[in-house]
Each structure stands twice: as structure tokens, then as C-alpha cells.
Amino acid sequence: MSHLSAAAAPRALSARPGLSGTALKTIALVLMVLDHIHYFFEFTGLVPLWFTQLGRLSAPLFLFCTVEGFAHTHDRRKYFWRIWRISAGMGLLQFLMMYAGFANRPDGFVPMNAIFMNFVILIPIWQGIDWLRQRRIARGLAAVLIPLIGWPALFIGLYYAVDKTPLAWLLDSILAGIVYTVLPSWTFIMDGGITYILEGIVLYLLRRHRGWQAAAFVALGLLFYLALPMRYLMASGSFAPSLLFDTAFEWMGVFAVVPMLLYNGQRGRGMKQLFYVFYPAHVYLLYALSWGVLLLTQ
């Protein structure tokens, strides 16, 4: 065996068929960009619908990658704070746009891209699940129940309570600022919410049982994004099969199960910083470009 082939042998032996974590993130990024091109430039009427239909796979894939990233990271606190900083920074900008009119597009459009808020909620829950597995019951229950039930319930109670006060507008703004930045609540998230949170919990609980994990993910997606919307539309008398493909097509995200099942358990080349920088950077770049296109077309 030559020196070159001998050196290459360990790498070849360690390679596994399928998609690495980096490959999954790259697929998710590409699909996300397609989705956001449609999101920001839909007003032009030039971006095809299939851009956002394919984009339905992006958020589930990012969720799956975050589950794996959290499970394998060597420093969970650092992992959490990195995601929290992105969430808080983007949340602050979103808050300023919505409540202070900062950098609003002339047509009133405000980007609602807050997927990192979901991860800020989910990471303590995942840690709580691990503590419960270690029989650290009190700590585990607190980590699971506070972000899942406690803080959302408290936030809703405070939200309705401040409406009855003379300074409702000020207190409402303070509460909104808190949930947009410091302490996200799934009751206030428009980009994700409780269904996404439940999917994240299921993916983490079943991550060592890939078949059951995939089946549960598909079942939840079909229930919340297909069965329940169909029932609502039928009850309202407005159901038409075409709606499932041109309007209520969130259910297409279940097809993300295919690349999930192809995951080979390997990290890949990494490019960790690229993924963290790319998300906020591309959101605000597309927002700025859409603003320019809007001005040119008025």
C-alpha cells in the first residue's frame, strides 16, 4: 500500500454513508433563502410559490440540527448563550420596528424572523429532560415546566392585567420588550410557536430511536398542519383541496423527515460560525434589498 493510500485509509474507514450535520445545515440554509426570497419579495408577484413551499422544510431541519448540536456540544452553557445573543439581538430590532417604527419598510412590512427564540425556549427544556433522566427531579421539572407553562401563563396574565391600568401602553411595551429579548414566550412567537416547541421536545426525547423519532415528527406535522386546518376549513364551509397547496401548505414540512433519516450522525466540516452569522445577515440584507425594490416600483 502506498503512503498516500495508507494515510487516506482511516478517513475512508471513518466515513459513513448519508448526510452529515453540515450537509443538513447547508440544505436548510438553501431552502431558507428560497423561502425568505418569497417572503420579502412576494409583493412583486415575480417569485414563484414553490420557493416558499420548498422552504417549509427549512425550519424542521434547523430544529433537527439544533437538537443534535445541543446533544453533542461540549459546553451547553456556551451553546445556549450563543443562541440567546442572536435571539435577543434580532428580537430587539423586531421590537423597535414594531413599537417604535424603526426602519419600517414604506408599506408597513416588518420582518418576523424569530426562529432563534424557539431555541432559547427549547434548550432549557432539553436540559430539564436530561436532568429528569438523571433523577434530578426538582431541577428537571423546573427546567421543563417554567419555559413550557410557567412563564407563558405568567406573561398572558400580566398582559391582560396591564390593559386595565392607566399606563397600559407603557407596561404593554415593557412586557413586549421582555419577551422579544430577554425571556421569549411561545405565546408571543409568530415564527414557530407551540407546535414547533412540541416538535422540538419530541425530536429530543426520541433522538436515539430514529424510526420512532421520524414517525412522531410526521404525525405531529400532519396533525397540526394538515388535519386540524382541514377540519377548521370544512367546518367554516370554505374548504377546497387547492388550499392545501396554495395557502395552507405548512404541512409540506413533514418531507423534512427524508434528510433527517439520511443523517449519518457525523458533524461534518463544521462551519459553525458561518451558520450563526448567515441567518441574521441574510434576513436584514434581503429586507434592505426588498425595500429598495419597493421604492423603485412605486
Protein backbone atom coordinates (compact mmCIF):
# COMPACT_ATOMS: atom_id res chain seq x y z
CA MET A 1 0.00 0.00 0.00
CA SER A 2 1.40 3.41 -0.95
CA HIS A 3 1.98 6.12 1.61
CA LEU A 4 -0.93 8.15 0.19
CA SER A 5 -3.41 5.27 0.30
CA ALA A 6 -2.34 4.32 3.82
CA ALA A 7 -2.90 7.85 5.05
CA ALA A 8 -6.28 8.03 3.38
CA ALA A 9 -7.46 4.67 4.74
CA PRO A 10 -8.50 5.83 8.25
CA ARG A 11 -10.51 8.69 6.75
CA ALA A 12 -12.23 6.36 4.31
CA LEU A 13 -12.99 3.86 7.05
CA SER A 14 -14.44 6.55 9.31
CA ALA A 15 -16.72 7.98 6.63
CA ARG A 16 -20.34 6.92 6.83
CA PRO A 17 -22.96 6.98 4.11
CA GLY A 18 -25.64 9.62 4.41
CA LEU A 19 -25.72 13.32 5.25
CA SER A 20 -23.54 14.97 7.88
CA GLY A 21 -24.72 17.73 10.17
CA THR A 22 -23.00 20.29 7.95
CA ALA A 23 -24.77 18.90 4.88
CA LEU A 24 -28.15 19.12 6.62
CA LYS A 25 -27.48 22.71 7.69
CA THR A 26 -26.43 23.61 4.15
CA ILE A 27 -29.64 22.13 2.73
CA ALA A 28 -31.64 24.02 5.35
CA LEU A 29 -29.84 27.26 4.51
CA VAL A 30 -30.53 26.97 0.80
CA LEU A 31 -34.21 26.18 1.39
CA MET A 32 -34.44 29.01 3.92
CA VAL A 33 -33.05 31.52 1.43
CA LEU A 34 -35.62 30.42 -1.15
CA ASP A 35 -38.37 30.80 1.42
CA HIS A 36 -37.19 34.23 2.50
CA ILE A 37 -36.81 35.47 -1.07
CA HIS A 38 -40.51 34.71 -1.45
CA TYR A 39 -41.25 36.21 1.98
CA PHE A 40 -39.54 39.54 1.32
CA PHE A 41 -40.31 39.91 -2.40
CA GLU A 42 -43.79 38.40 -2.63
CA PHE A 43 -45.18 41.88 -3.26
CA THR A 44 -43.50 41.90 -6.71
CA GLY A 45 -45.59 38.95 -7.91
CA LEU A 46 -42.44 37.57 -9.58
CA VAL A 47 -41.28 34.97 -7.04
CA PRO A 48 -42.82 31.52 -7.64
CA LEU A 49 -44.84 29.88 -4.88
CA TRP A 50 -42.64 26.79 -4.90
CA PHE A 51 -39.86 28.87 -3.33
CA THR A 52 -41.79 29.01 -0.07
CA GLN A 53 -43.26 25.51 -0.46
CA LEU A 54 -39.74 24.08 -0.51
CA GLY A 55 -38.89 26.45 2.31
CA ARG A 56 -41.32 24.60 4.60
CA LEU A 57 -38.55 22.00 5.06
CA SER A 58 -36.06 24.53 6.36
CA ALA A 59 -37.34 25.21 9.90
CA PRO A 60 -37.75 21.49 10.78
CA LEU A 61 -34.23 20.79 9.52
CA PHE A 62 -32.77 23.61 11.61
CA LEU A 63 -34.67 22.23 14.58
CA PHE A 64 -33.26 18.75 13.99
CA CYS A 65 -29.73 20.16 13.64
CA THR A 66 -30.13 22.17 16.86
CA VAL A 67 -31.27 19.03 18.70
CA GLU A 68 -28.13 17.25 17.52
CA GLY A 69 -25.94 20.27 18.19
CA PHE A 70 -27.16 20.56 21.78
CA ALA A 71 -26.80 16.82 22.36
CA HIS A 72 -23.19 16.79 21.16
CA THR A 73 -21.82 20.16 22.29
CA HIS A 74 -19.04 20.12 24.88
CA ASP A 75 -20.28 23.30 26.55
CA ARG A 76 -24.06 23.59 26.79
CA ARG A 77 -23.97 26.93 28.57
CA LYS A 78 -21.85 28.48 25.85
CA TYR A 79 -24.10 26.89 23.22
CA PHE A 80 -27.19 28.39 24.86
CA TRP A 81 -25.74 31.87 25.32
CA ARG A 82 -24.59 31.99 21.70
CA ILE A 83 -28.13 31.28 20.52
CA TRP A 84 -29.62 33.62 23.14
CA ARG A 85 -27.47 36.55 21.92
CA ILE A 86 -28.69 36.11 18.34
CA SER A 87 -32.28 35.76 19.53
CA ALA A 88 -32.06 38.83 21.78
CA GLY A 89 -30.37 40.97 19.13
CA MET A 90 -32.88 40.13 16.42
CA GLY A 91 -35.73 40.39 18.92
CA LEU A 92 -34.62 43.89 19.93
CA LEU A 93 -34.63 45.02 16.30
CA GLN A 94 -38.05 43.46 15.76
CA PHE A 95 -39.36 45.21 18.89
CA LEU A 96 -38.02 48.58 17.73
CA MET A 97 -39.57 48.08 14.29
CA MET A 98 -42.98 47.17 15.71
CA TYR A 99 -43.20 49.54 18.68
CA ALA A 100 -41.01 52.47 17.65
CA GLY A 101 -41.40 52.41 13.87
CA PHE A 102 -37.64 51.94 13.47
CA ALA A 103 -36.52 51.10 9.90
CA ASN A 104 -40.02 50.14 8.76
CA ARG A 105 -40.48 49.45 5.07
CA PRO A 106 -42.71 52.09 3.44
CA ASP A 107 -45.55 49.58 3.01
CA GLY A 108 -45.51 48.80 6.75
CA PHE A 109 -43.92 45.36 6.34
CA VAL A 110 -41.85 44.21 9.33
CA PRO A 111 -39.74 41.00 9.21
CA MET A 112 -40.96 38.46 11.78
CA ASN A 113 -37.98 36.09 11.63
CA ALA A 114 -37.66 34.82 15.20
CA ILE A 115 -36.75 31.15 14.92
CA PHE A 116 -33.93 31.53 17.47
CA MET A 117 -36.50 32.48 20.12
CA ASN A 118 -37.85 28.93 19.86
CA PHE A 119 -34.38 27.51 20.51
CA VAL A 120 -33.95 29.74 23.58
CA ILE A 121 -37.13 28.16 24.97
CA LEU A 122 -36.25 24.62 23.93
CA ILE A 123 -32.69 24.37 25.23
CA PRO A 124 -33.67 24.66 28.93
CA ILE A 125 -36.43 22.10 28.30
CA TRP A 126 -33.96 19.67 26.71
CA GLN A 127 -31.60 20.15 29.65
CA GLY A 128 -34.52 19.52 32.01
CA ILE A 129 -35.30 16.27 30.18
CA ASP A 130 -31.72 15.13 30.76
CA TRP A 131 -31.93 16.08 34.45
CA LEU A 132 -35.14 14.07 34.78
CA ARG A 133 -33.37 11.09 33.21
CA GLN A 134 -30.67 11.52 35.85
CA ARG A 135 -33.40 11.54 38.55
CA ARG A 136 -32.72 15.18 39.42
CA ILE A 137 -36.47 15.62 39.62
CA ALA A 138 -36.95 19.10 41.11
CA ARG A 139 -34.39 20.74 38.84
CA GLY A 140 -35.63 18.82 35.81
CA LEU A 141 -39.29 19.68 36.35
CA ALA A 142 -38.42 23.35 36.83
CA ALA A 143 -36.36 23.46 33.62
CA VAL A 144 -39.17 21.82 31.63
CA LEU A 145 -42.26 23.45 33.14
CA ILE A 146 -41.12 27.05 33.58
CA PRO A 147 -40.46 27.79 29.88
CA LEU A 148 -43.24 25.47 28.69
CA ILE A 149 -46.07 26.50 31.04
CA GLY A 150 -44.96 28.81 33.87
CA TRP A 151 -43.57 31.84 32.05
CA PRO A 152 -46.14 31.72 29.18
CA ALA A 153 -49.01 31.61 31.71
CA LEU A 154 -47.49 34.43 33.76
CA PHE A 155 -46.93 36.51 30.64
CA ILE A 156 -50.55 36.10 29.48
CA GLY A 157 -51.79 37.01 32.96
CA LEU A 158 -49.61 40.13 33.08
CA TYR A 159 -50.54 41.06 29.51
CA TYR A 160 -54.25 41.15 30.31
CA ALA A 161 -53.70 42.73 33.72
CA VAL A 162 -51.80 45.75 32.36
CA ASP A 163 -54.64 46.51 29.93
CA LYS A 164 -56.70 47.59 32.94
CA THR A 165 -54.15 50.11 34.18
CA PRO A 166 -53.80 53.81 33.27
CA LEU A 167 -50.31 53.16 31.87
CA ALA A 168 -51.37 50.19 29.75
CA TRP A 169 -49.46 51.36 26.69
CA LEU A 170 -46.19 51.73 28.61
CA LEU A 171 -46.48 48.46 30.55
CA ASP A 172 -47.52 46.60 27.40
CA SER A 173 -44.42 47.91 25.64
CA ILE A 174 -42.20 46.85 28.56
CA LEU A 175 -43.70 43.34 28.54
CA ALA A 176 -43.27 43.08 24.78
CA GLY A 177 -39.66 44.21 25.08
CA ILE A 178 -39.01 41.48 27.64
CA VAL A 179 -40.47 38.64 25.56
CA TYR A 180 -38.82 39.86 22.38
CA THR A 181 -35.39 39.96 24.01
CA VAL A 182 -34.69 38.58 27.49
CA LEU A 183 -37.34 35.90 28.08
CA PRO A 184 -39.10 34.68 24.92
CA SER A 185 -42.52 33.07 25.33
CA TRP A 186 -44.02 30.71 22.75
CA THR A 187 -47.35 32.51 23.24
CA PHE A 188 -45.78 35.58 21.63
CA ILE A 189 -43.79 34.00 18.81
CA MET A 190 -45.16 34.27 15.28
CA ASP A 191 -42.29 32.34 13.70
CA GLY A 192 -42.70 28.92 15.32
CA GLY A 193 -44.79 28.73 18.46
CA ILE A 194 -46.21 25.82 20.42
CA THR A 195 -46.28 23.30 17.55
CA TYR A 196 -42.60 23.93 16.83
CA ILE A 197 -41.83 23.65 20.55
CA LEU A 198 -43.66 20.30 20.78
CA GLU A 199 -41.80 19.03 17.72
CA GLY A 200 -38.52 20.02 19.34
CA ILE A 201 -39.39 18.15 22.52
CA VAL A 202 -40.37 15.02 20.60
CA LEU A 203 -37.26 15.11 18.42
CA TYR A 204 -35.07 15.31 21.53
CA LEU A 205 -36.94 12.65 23.51
CA LEU A 206 -36.68 10.16 20.63
CA ARG A 207 -33.30 11.13 19.16
CA ARG A 208 -31.81 7.71 19.98
CA HIS A 209 -34.68 5.96 18.21
CA ARG A 210 -34.56 7.33 14.68
CA GLY A 211 -37.55 5.42 13.33
CA TRP A 212 -39.85 6.45 16.17
CA GLN A 213 -38.47 9.97 16.02
CA ALA A 214 -39.30 10.26 12.32
CA ALA A 215 -42.77 8.76 12.78
CA ALA A 216 -43.62 11.09 15.67
CA PHE A 217 -42.38 14.14 13.76
CA VAL A 218 -44.53 13.27 10.74
CA ALA A 219 -47.56 12.52 12.93
CA LEU A 220 -47.31 15.88 14.72
CA GLY A 221 -46.83 17.76 11.47
CA LEU A 222 -49.82 16.12 9.79
CA LEU A 223 -51.98 16.65 12.87
CA PHE A 224 -51.25 20.32 13.45
CA TYR A 225 -50.61 21.47 9.89
CA LEU A 226 -52.98 19.27 7.88
CA ALA A 227 -55.73 17.56 9.89
CA LEU A 228 -56.64 20.48 12.15
CA PRO A 229 -56.59 23.14 9.38
CA MET A 230 -58.70 20.84 7.17
CA ARG A 231 -61.22 20.39 9.99
CA TYR A 232 -61.41 24.15 10.51
CA LEU A 233 -61.84 24.87 6.81
CA MET A 234 -64.51 22.18 6.44
CA ALA A 235 -66.39 23.49 9.47
CA SER A 236 -66.33 27.00 8.02
CA GLY A 237 -67.53 25.74 4.64
CA SER A 238 -64.50 27.18 2.86
CA PHE A 239 -62.50 24.01 2.24
CA ALA A 240 -61.12 23.27 -1.20
CA PRO A 241 -58.29 20.80 -1.91
CA SER A 242 -56.34 23.52 -3.72
CA LEU A 243 -55.99 25.43 -0.42
CA LEU A 244 -53.64 22.74 0.85
CA PHE A 245 -51.22 23.60 -1.94
CA ASP A 246 -51.56 27.34 -2.47
CA THR A 247 -52.41 28.66 1.01
CA ALA A 248 -52.32 26.16 3.90
CA PHE A 249 -49.20 24.26 2.82
CA GLU A 250 -47.27 24.32 6.11
CA TRP A 251 -47.84 20.54 6.22
CA MET A 252 -45.21 20.15 3.49
CA GLY A 253 -42.62 20.50 6.22
CA VAL A 254 -43.14 16.81 7.04
CA PHE A 255 -40.99 15.99 4.00
CA ALA A 256 -38.01 17.20 6.05
CA VAL A 257 -38.13 13.70 7.53
CA VAL A 258 -36.31 12.39 4.44
CA PRO A 259 -33.00 14.27 5.01
CA MET A 260 -33.42 13.68 8.76
CA LEU A 261 -33.45 9.92 8.15
CA LEU A 262 -30.35 10.30 5.95
CA TYR A 263 -28.38 11.90 8.79
CA ASN A 264 -25.27 9.80 9.46
CA GLY A 265 -24.57 11.07 12.97
CA GLN A 266 -21.40 12.91 11.97
CA ARG A 267 -20.75 16.62 12.42
CA GLY A 268 -19.16 17.18 9.03
CA ARG A 269 -16.86 20.10 8.27
CA GLY A 270 -18.47 22.31 10.85
CA MET A 271 -18.53 25.94 9.59
CA LYS A 272 -20.27 26.74 12.89
CA GLN A 273 -19.68 30.48 12.83
CA LEU A 274 -20.93 30.75 9.23
CA PHE A 275 -24.34 29.38 10.17
CA TYR A 276 -24.71 31.70 13.16
CA VAL A 277 -23.69 34.77 11.15
CA PHE A 278 -25.58 33.89 8.00
CA TYR A 279 -29.09 33.81 9.48
CA PRO A 280 -29.34 37.41 10.77
CA ALA A 281 -27.14 38.75 7.96
CA HIS A 282 -29.27 37.36 5.14
CA VAL A 283 -32.54 38.44 6.82
CA TYR A 284 -31.53 42.09 7.00
CA LEU A 285 -29.83 42.04 3.61
CA LEU A 286 -32.96 40.71 1.92
CA TYR A 287 -35.06 43.20 3.90
CA ALA A 288 -32.90 46.09 2.70
CA LEU A 289 -32.98 44.84 -0.90
CA SER A 290 -36.75 44.42 -0.80
CA TRP A 291 -37.04 47.98 0.49
CA GLY A 292 -35.02 49.22 -2.49
CA VAL A 293 -37.09 47.22 -4.97
CA LEU A 294 -40.30 48.56 -3.40
CA LEU A 295 -39.10 52.16 -3.82
CA LEU A 296 -38.16 51.53 -7.44
CA THR A 297 -41.53 50.02 -8.28
CA GLN A 298 -43.69 52.69 -6.61
